[in-house]
Protein backbone atom coordinates (compact mmCIF):
# COMPACT_ATOMS: atom_id res chain seq x y z
CA MET A 1 66.17 33.65 39.30
CA ARG A 2 64.67 33.88 35.72
CA VAL A 3 63.62 30.63 34.20
CA ARG A 4 64.99 30.04 30.69
CA PRO A 5 62.43 29.12 27.95
CA ALA A 6 64.17 25.85 27.44
CA ASP A 7 64.07 24.97 31.05
CA ALA A 8 60.32 25.85 31.33
CA VAL A 9 59.68 23.80 28.12
CA ALA A 10 61.64 20.71 29.60
CA LYS A 11 59.67 21.10 32.75
CA ALA A 12 56.48 20.81 30.96
CA GLY A 13 57.58 17.99 28.93
CA GLU A 14 55.81 16.77 25.76
CA ASP A 15 52.79 15.29 27.83
CA THR A 16 50.65 18.51 28.63
CA LYS A 17 48.49 16.15 30.73
CA LEU A 18 51.13 16.39 33.59
CA SER A 19 50.21 18.03 36.67
CA GLY A 20 51.37 21.63 36.68
CA ALA A 21 52.27 21.38 32.96
CA GLU A 22 49.81 24.43 32.15
CA ASN A 23 51.82 26.44 34.51
CA ALA A 24 55.06 25.57 33.09
CA LEU A 25 53.73 26.26 29.53
CA PHE A 26 52.66 29.59 30.76
CA ASP A 27 56.09 30.36 32.28
CA ALA A 28 57.79 29.43 28.91
CA ALA A 29 55.19 31.91 27.33
CA ARG A 30 56.32 34.77 29.63
CA GLU A 31 60.11 33.97 28.94
CA TYR A 32 59.63 34.02 25.26
CA ALA A 33 57.66 37.17 25.42
CA GLN A 34 60.35 38.88 27.45
CA ALA A 35 63.00 37.75 24.88
CA ASP A 36 60.79 39.40 22.15
CA ARG A 37 59.81 36.05 20.60
CA ASN A 38 56.26 36.75 20.40
CA ASP A 39 55.31 33.94 18.00
CA ASP A 40 56.78 31.30 20.45
CA ALA A 41 55.16 33.21 23.39
CA ILE A 42 51.74 32.96 21.61
CA ALA A 43 52.32 29.23 20.70
CA PHE A 44 52.99 28.53 24.43
CA LEU A 45 50.17 30.40 25.67
CA GLN A 46 47.72 28.37 23.21
CA ARG A 47 49.40 25.19 24.70
CA ALA A 48 48.91 26.53 28.31
CA PHE A 49 45.23 27.04 27.87
CA ALA A 50 44.74 23.80 25.95
CA ALA A 51 46.38 22.02 28.92
CA GLY A 52 44.16 23.85 31.48
CA PHE A 53 45.60 27.18 32.38
CA LYS A 54 42.67 29.30 33.31
CA ASP A 55 44.06 32.56 34.69
CA ARG A 56 43.08 35.17 32.06
CA ASP A 57 43.92 38.04 34.49
CA ALA A 58 47.54 36.78 34.65
CA VAL A 59 47.82 37.10 30.88
CA LYS A 60 46.30 40.41 30.92
CA ASN A 61 48.23 41.92 33.61
CA ASP A 62 51.60 40.13 33.73
CA PRO A 63 54.40 42.63 32.99
CA ALA A 64 56.41 39.84 31.22
CA LEU A 65 53.71 39.77 28.46
CA ALA A 66 53.31 43.39 27.94
CA LYS A 67 54.81 43.41 24.60
CA ALA A 68 52.90 40.46 23.46
CA ARG A 69 49.59 41.83 24.64
CA ASN A 70 49.15 43.91 21.44
CA ASP A 71 49.28 40.82 19.30
CA SER A 72 45.65 40.06 18.17
CA ARG A 73 46.43 36.39 18.46
CA LEU A 74 46.78 36.71 22.23
CA LYS A 75 43.52 38.73 22.57
CA THR A 76 41.89 35.97 20.66
CA ILE A 77 43.33 33.25 22.94
CA VAL A 78 42.23 35.07 26.13
CA ALA A 79 38.65 35.78 24.64
CA THR A 80 38.16 32.20 23.63
CA ALA A 81 39.87 30.39 26.52
CA ASN A 82 37.34 28.30 28.46
């Protein structure tokens, strides 16, 4: 079952300090990328990393992010993530 972006965003909530929020934000980024909404995907990836997401390999290898991977903003996010 696919998660709709709105559902993933609702799961994350506005408080990115919630446990698991970084994963929900990453899931939202994946869904937006699959819907060809790269600006939203990039924004949610930024939020995911800011909230503590650390899995750079997931960003580099996840098929859902394939279209967004050519975006220089995504490359910058991955390169500068803590």
